[in-house]
Amino acid sequence: MAREVTLLLHFIGLGLLMTTLVAGFILNAHYKKATDAQSKALIVKALKSVGLMSPLGMFIMLVTGIANMISRGFGLFTDGRLTAKIIFFAIAMISGILFAVKSRKRGALVHQMAQGQAQPDSEQLLQSYDKQISIFYIVMPLLLLIILYLSVMGHVALVQQLSAQ
């Protein structure tokens, strides 16, 4: 029963993470289309709210992923596929942390610009943040697709092994 609960929570964490990623992607697309600083500030505020759910999804996936490994009798380096998943998940977490830092800086800068308190080089700095955040919305889905691929292929291989016996 505990294994089923951790698996369910793992899928809930994945759903939460995917929801925040899709919502962030959509809001970022609207941010790019916004022409004035007030509109951008409003969108950045919404992005901040959405972004607060992402660490929760990552935490749930990390804890339940480890619990699922333990319940199935795997160690950290027992199965190469699981080790690869952990490595890609760590890269995704680090990428998410770096993204959060850039997002916070971009949000503060956009709010300064909306209030008319921006520094002379603010526009260039904002373009730099925007470019880095756009790259995140390419890299993170790719990382999650790799992790999902490793998950599915591992389960397919397990089913094939069981059916061969």
C-alpha atoms as a PDB file:
ATOM      1  CA  MET A   1       0.000   0.000   0.000  1.00  0.00           C
ATOM      2  CA  ALA A   2       2.815   2.426   0.849  1.00  0.00           C
ATOM      3  CA  ARG A   3       4.381   1.855  -2.561  1.00  0.00           C
ATOM      4  CA  GLU A   4       1.135   2.804  -4.312  1.00  0.00           C
ATOM      5  CA  VAL A   5       0.823   5.957  -2.197  1.00  0.00           C
ATOM      6  CA  THR A   6       4.371   7.087  -2.975  1.00  0.00           C
ATOM      7  CA  LEU A   7       3.813   6.367  -6.663  1.00  0.00           C
ATOM      8  CA  LEU A   8       0.588   8.394  -6.617  1.00  0.00           C
ATOM      9  CA  LEU A   9       2.347  11.269  -4.834  1.00  0.00           C
ATOM     10  CA  HIS A  10       5.172  11.023  -7.377  1.00  0.00           C
ATOM     11  CA  PHE A  11       2.664  11.498 -10.206  1.00  0.00           C
ATOM     12  CA  ILE A  12       1.061  14.386  -8.314  1.00  0.00           C
ATOM     13  CA  GLY A  13       4.499  16.010  -8.037  1.00  0.00           C
ATOM     14  CA  LEU A  14       5.056  15.490 -11.767  1.00  0.00           C
ATOM     15  CA  GLY A  15       1.652  16.996 -12.524  1.00  0.00           C
ATOM     16  CA  LEU A  16       2.388  19.984 -10.320  1.00  0.00           C
ATOM     17  CA  LEU A  17       5.768  20.488 -11.960  1.00  0.00           C
ATOM     18  CA  MET A  18       4.359  20.178 -15.483  1.00  0.00           C
ATOM     19  CA  THR A  19       1.510  22.551 -14.637  1.00  0.00           C
ATOM     20  CA  THR A  20       3.911  25.217 -13.393  1.00  0.00           C
ATOM     21  CA  LEU A  21       6.131  24.751 -16.434  1.00  0.00           C
ATOM     22  CA  VAL A  22       3.249  25.059 -18.920  1.00  0.00           C
ATOM     23  CA  ALA A  23       1.697  27.998 -17.045  1.00  0.00           C
ATOM     24  CA  GLY A  24       5.098  29.688 -16.872  1.00  0.00           C
ATOM     25  CA  PHE A  25       5.660  29.131 -20.585  1.00  0.00           C
ATOM     26  CA  ILE A  26       2.262  30.648 -21.444  1.00  0.00           C
ATOM     27  CA  LEU A  27       2.723  33.620 -19.117  1.00  0.00           C
ATOM     28  CA  ASN A  28       6.241  34.191 -20.452  1.00  0.00           C
ATOM     29  CA  ALA A  29       4.834  34.256 -24.005  1.00  0.00           C
ATOM     30  CA  HIS A  30       2.330  36.921 -22.896  1.00  0.00           C
ATOM     31  CA  TYR A  31       5.166  38.801 -21.183  1.00  0.00           C
ATOM     32  CA  LYS A  32       7.096  38.895 -24.472  1.00  0.00           C
ATOM     33  CA  LYS A  33       4.050  40.320 -26.269  1.00  0.00           C
ATOM     34  CA  ALA A  34       3.420  43.017 -23.647  1.00  0.00           C
ATOM     35  CA  THR A  35       4.534  46.435 -24.805  1.00  0.00           C
ATOM     36  CA  ASP A  36       4.378  48.541 -21.643  1.00  0.00           C
ATOM     37  CA  ALA A  37       6.138  48.127 -18.305  1.00  0.00           C
ATOM     38  CA  GLN A  38       2.889  48.036 -16.278  1.00  0.00           C
ATOM     39  CA  SER A  39       1.589  45.038 -18.243  1.00  0.00           C
ATOM     40  CA  LYS A  40       4.935  43.289 -17.893  1.00  0.00           C
ATOM     41  CA  ALA A  41       4.936  43.984 -14.150  1.00  0.00           C
ATOM     42  CA  LEU A  42       1.491  42.437 -13.793  1.00  0.00           C
ATOM     43  CA  ILE A  43       2.548  39.327 -15.726  1.00  0.00           C
ATOM     44  CA  VAL A  44       5.769  39.017 -13.713  1.00  0.00           C
ATOM     45  CA  LYS A  45       3.684  39.134 -10.532  1.00  0.00           C
ATOM     46  CA  ALA A  46       1.544  36.251 -11.841  1.00  0.00           C
ATOM     47  CA  LEU A  47       4.685  34.351 -12.851  1.00  0.00           C
ATOM     48  CA  LYS A  48       6.009  34.687  -9.313  1.00  0.00           C
ATOM     49  CA  SER A  49       2.862  33.083  -7.908  1.00  0.00           C
ATOM     50  CA  VAL A  50       3.083  30.209 -10.388  1.00  0.00           C
ATOM     51  CA  GLY A  51       6.801  29.797  -9.762  1.00  0.00           C
ATOM     52  CA  LEU A  52       6.269  29.291  -6.045  1.00  0.00           C
ATOM     53  CA  MET A  53       4.625  25.918  -6.765  1.00  0.00           C
ATOM     54  CA  SER A  54       7.596  24.536  -8.698  1.00  0.00           C
ATOM     55  CA  PRO A  55       9.867  23.840  -5.688  1.00  0.00           C
ATOM     56  CA  LEU A  56       6.989  21.980  -4.047  1.00  0.00           C
ATOM     57  CA  GLY A  57       6.596  19.758  -7.117  1.00  0.00           C
ATOM     58  CA  MET A  58      10.350  19.134  -7.254  1.00  0.00           C
ATOM     59  CA  PHE A  59      10.476  18.298  -3.541  1.00  0.00           C
ATOM     60  CA  ILE A  60       7.547  15.871  -3.818  1.00  0.00           C
ATOM     61  CA  MET A  61       9.149  14.186  -6.828  1.00  0.00           C
ATOM     62  CA  LEU A  62      12.541  13.917  -5.124  1.00  0.00           C
ATOM     63  CA  VAL A  63      11.219  12.430  -1.875  1.00  0.00           C
ATOM     64  CA  THR A  64       8.764  10.059  -3.537  1.00  0.00           C
ATOM     65  CA  GLY A  65      11.299   9.051  -6.191  1.00  0.00           C
ATOM     66  CA  ILE A  66      13.748   8.013  -3.485  1.00  0.00           C
ATOM     67  CA  ALA A  67      10.943   6.235  -1.601  1.00  0.00           C
ATOM     68  CA  ASN A  68       9.956   4.381  -4.783  1.00  0.00           C
ATOM     69  CA  MET A  69      13.556   3.287  -5.338  1.00  0.00           C
ATOM     70  CA  ILE A  70      13.837   2.006  -1.777  1.00  0.00           C
ATOM     71  CA  SER A  71      10.495   0.198  -1.933  1.00  0.00           C
ATOM     72  CA  ARG A  72      11.619  -1.597  -5.100  1.00  0.00           C
ATOM     73  CA  GLY A  73      14.944  -2.575  -3.523  1.00  0.00           C
ATOM     74  CA  PHE A  74      17.170  -0.327  -5.621  1.00  0.00           C
ATOM     75  CA  GLY A  75      20.192   1.525  -4.313  1.00  0.00           C
ATOM     76  CA  LEU A  76      21.509   4.802  -5.663  1.00  0.00           C
ATOM     77  CA  PHE A  77      23.805   3.135  -8.199  1.00  0.00           C
ATOM     78  CA  THR A  78      22.057  -0.236  -8.574  1.00  0.00           C
ATOM     79  CA  ASP A  79      20.272   0.563 -11.841  1.00  0.00           C
ATOM     80  CA  GLY A  80      22.033   2.742 -14.421  1.00  0.00           C
ATOM     81  CA  ARG A  81      18.730   4.100 -15.707  1.00  0.00           C
ATOM     82  CA  LEU A  82      17.735   5.305 -12.238  1.00  0.00           C
ATOM     83  CA  THR A  83      21.175   6.827 -11.724  1.00  0.00           C
ATOM     84  CA  ALA A  84      20.786   8.702 -15.022  1.00  0.00           C
ATOM     85  CA  LYS A  85      17.332   9.903 -13.925  1.00  0.00           C
ATOM     86  CA  ILE A  86      18.799  11.201 -10.668  1.00  0.00           C
ATOM     87  CA  ILE A  87      21.560  13.026 -12.549  1.00  0.00           C
ATOM     88  CA  PHE A  88      19.108  14.649 -14.974  1.00  0.00           C
ATOM     89  CA  PHE A  89      16.789  15.492 -12.084  1.00  0.00           C
ATOM     90  CA  ALA A  90      19.688  17.157 -10.237  1.00  0.00           C
ATOM     91  CA  ILE A  91      20.483  19.167 -13.379  1.00  0.00           C
ATOM     92  CA  ALA A  92      16.809  20.159 -13.618  1.00  0.00           C
ATOM     93  CA  MET A  93      16.772  21.226  -9.957  1.00  0.00           C
ATOM     94  CA  ILE A  94      19.925  23.315 -10.343  1.00  0.00           C
ATOM     95  CA  SER A  95      18.513  24.841 -13.523  1.00  0.00           C
ATOM     96  CA  GLY A  96      15.305  25.662 -11.644  1.00  0.00           C
ATOM     97  CA  ILE A  97      17.232  27.321  -8.824  1.00  0.00           C
ATOM     98  CA  LEU A  98      19.242  29.440 -11.276  1.00  0.00           C
ATOM     99  CA  PHE A  99      16.014  30.284 -13.113  1.00  0.00           C
ATOM    100  CA  ALA A 100      14.405  31.415  -9.846  1.00  0.00           C
ATOM    101  CA  VAL A 101      17.300  33.774  -9.148  1.00  0.00           C
ATOM    102  CA  LYS A 102      17.103  35.286 -12.648  1.00  0.00           C
ATOM    103  CA  SER A 103      13.306  35.534 -12.429  1.00  0.00           C
ATOM    104  CA  ARG A 104      13.495  37.347  -9.113  1.00  0.00           C
ATOM    105  CA  LYS A 105      16.019  39.821 -10.536  1.00  0.00           C
ATOM    106  CA  ARG A 106      13.936  40.311 -13.678  1.00  0.00           C
ATOM    107  CA  GLY A 107      10.792  40.839 -11.602  1.00  0.00           C
ATOM    108  CA  ALA A 108      12.457  43.480  -9.447  1.00  0.00           C
ATOM    109  CA  LEU A 109      13.818  45.239 -12.533  1.00  0.00           C
ATOM    110  CA  VAL A 110      10.441  45.201 -14.313  1.00  0.00           C
ATOM    111  CA  HIS A 111       8.743  46.658 -11.230  1.00  0.00           C
ATOM    112  CA  GLN A 112      11.403  49.401 -11.035  1.00  0.00           C
ATOM    113  CA  MET A 113      10.839  50.191 -14.699  1.00  0.00           C
ATOM    114  CA  ALA A 114       7.053  50.259 -14.203  1.00  0.00           C
ATOM    115  CA  GLN A 115       7.501  52.767 -11.376  1.00  0.00           C
ATOM    116  CA  GLY A 116       9.891  54.876 -13.441  1.00  0.00           C
ATOM    117  CA  GLN A 117      12.842  54.192 -11.117  1.00  0.00           C
ATOM    118  CA  ALA A 118      15.005  52.213 -13.531  1.00  0.00           C
ATOM    119  CA  GLN A 119      18.723  52.732 -14.068  1.00  0.00           C
ATOM    120  CA  PRO A 120      20.034  53.850 -17.498  1.00  0.00           C
ATOM    121  CA  ASP A 121      21.199  50.331 -18.472  1.00  0.00           C
ATOM    122  CA  SER A 122      17.982  48.636 -17.318  1.00  0.00           C
ATOM    123  CA  GLU A 123      16.698  47.860 -20.801  1.00  0.00           C
ATOM    124  CA  GLN A 124      19.874  45.965 -21.741  1.00  0.00           C
ATOM    125  CA  LEU A 125      19.852  44.091 -18.447  1.00  0.00           C
ATOM    126  CA  LEU A 126      16.189  43.203 -18.919  1.00  0.00           C
ATOM    127  CA  GLN A 127      16.880  41.849 -22.416  1.00  0.00           C
ATOM    128  CA  SER A 128      19.638  39.684 -20.955  1.00  0.00           C
ATOM    129  CA  TYR A 129      17.291  38.274 -18.282  1.00  0.00           C
ATOM    130  CA  ASP A 130      14.562  37.718 -20.865  1.00  0.00           C
ATOM    131  CA  LYS A 131      16.933  35.759 -23.102  1.00  0.00           C
ATOM    132  CA  GLN A 132      18.149  33.579 -20.222  1.00  0.00           C
ATOM    133  CA  ILE A 133      14.597  32.860 -19.096  1.00  0.00           C
ATOM    134  CA  SER A 134      13.566  31.985 -22.657  1.00  0.00           C
ATOM    135  CA  ILE A 135      16.418  29.467 -22.776  1.00  0.00           C
ATOM    136  CA  PHE A 136      15.117  27.935 -19.535  1.00  0.00           C
ATOM    137  CA  TYR A 137      11.762  27.267 -21.185  1.00  0.00           C
ATOM    138  CA  ILE A 138      13.613  25.238 -23.825  1.00  0.00           C
ATOM    139  CA  VAL A 139      16.038  23.404 -21.530  1.00  0.00           C
ATOM    140  CA  MET A 140      13.621  22.398 -18.748  1.00  0.00           C
ATOM    141  CA  PRO A 141      11.082  20.611 -20.980  1.00  0.00           C
ATOM    142  CA  LEU A 142      13.958  18.763 -22.659  1.00  0.00           C
ATOM    143  CA  LEU A 143      15.299  17.636 -19.285  1.00  0.00           C
ATOM    144  CA  LEU A 144      11.853  16.496 -18.187  1.00  0.00           C
ATOM    145  CA  LEU A 145      11.358  14.622 -21.472  1.00  0.00           C
ATOM    146  CA  ILE A 146      14.672  12.831 -20.944  1.00  0.00           C
ATOM    147  CA  ILE A 147      13.618  11.880 -17.409  1.00  0.00           C
ATOM    148  CA  LEU A 148      10.226  10.705 -18.669  1.00  0.00           C
ATOM    149  CA  TYR A 149      11.883   8.697 -21.448  1.00  0.00           C
ATOM    150  CA  LEU A 150      14.171   6.995 -18.921  1.00  0.00           C
ATOM    151  CA  SER A 151      11.145   6.193 -16.768  1.00  0.00           C
ATOM    152  CA  VAL A 152       9.091   4.715 -19.588  1.00  0.00           C
ATOM    153  CA  MET A 153      11.979   2.755 -21.101  1.00  0.00           C
ATOM    154  CA  GLY A 154      12.834   1.324 -17.691  1.00  0.00           C
ATOM    155  CA  HIS A 155       9.291   0.114 -17.176  1.00  0.00           C
ATOM    156  CA  VAL A 156       9.119  -1.309 -20.711  1.00  0.00           C
ATOM    157  CA  ALA A 157      12.351  -3.238 -20.084  1.00  0.00           C
ATOM    158  CA  LEU A 158      10.989  -4.512 -16.758  1.00  0.00           C
ATOM    159  CA  VAL A 159       7.768  -5.735 -18.389  1.00  0.00           C
ATOM    160  CA  GLN A 160       9.787  -7.452 -21.128  1.00  0.00           C
ATOM    161  CA  GLN A 161      11.948  -9.195 -18.518  1.00  0.00           C
ATOM    162  CA  LEU A 162       8.911 -10.369 -16.584  1.00  0.00           C
ATOM    163  CA  SER A 163       7.131 -11.640 -19.705  1.00  0.00           C
ATOM    164  CA  ALA A 164      10.248 -13.554 -20.820  1.00  0.00           C
ATOM    165  CA  GLN A 165      10.306 -15.507 -17.549  1.00  0.00           C
END
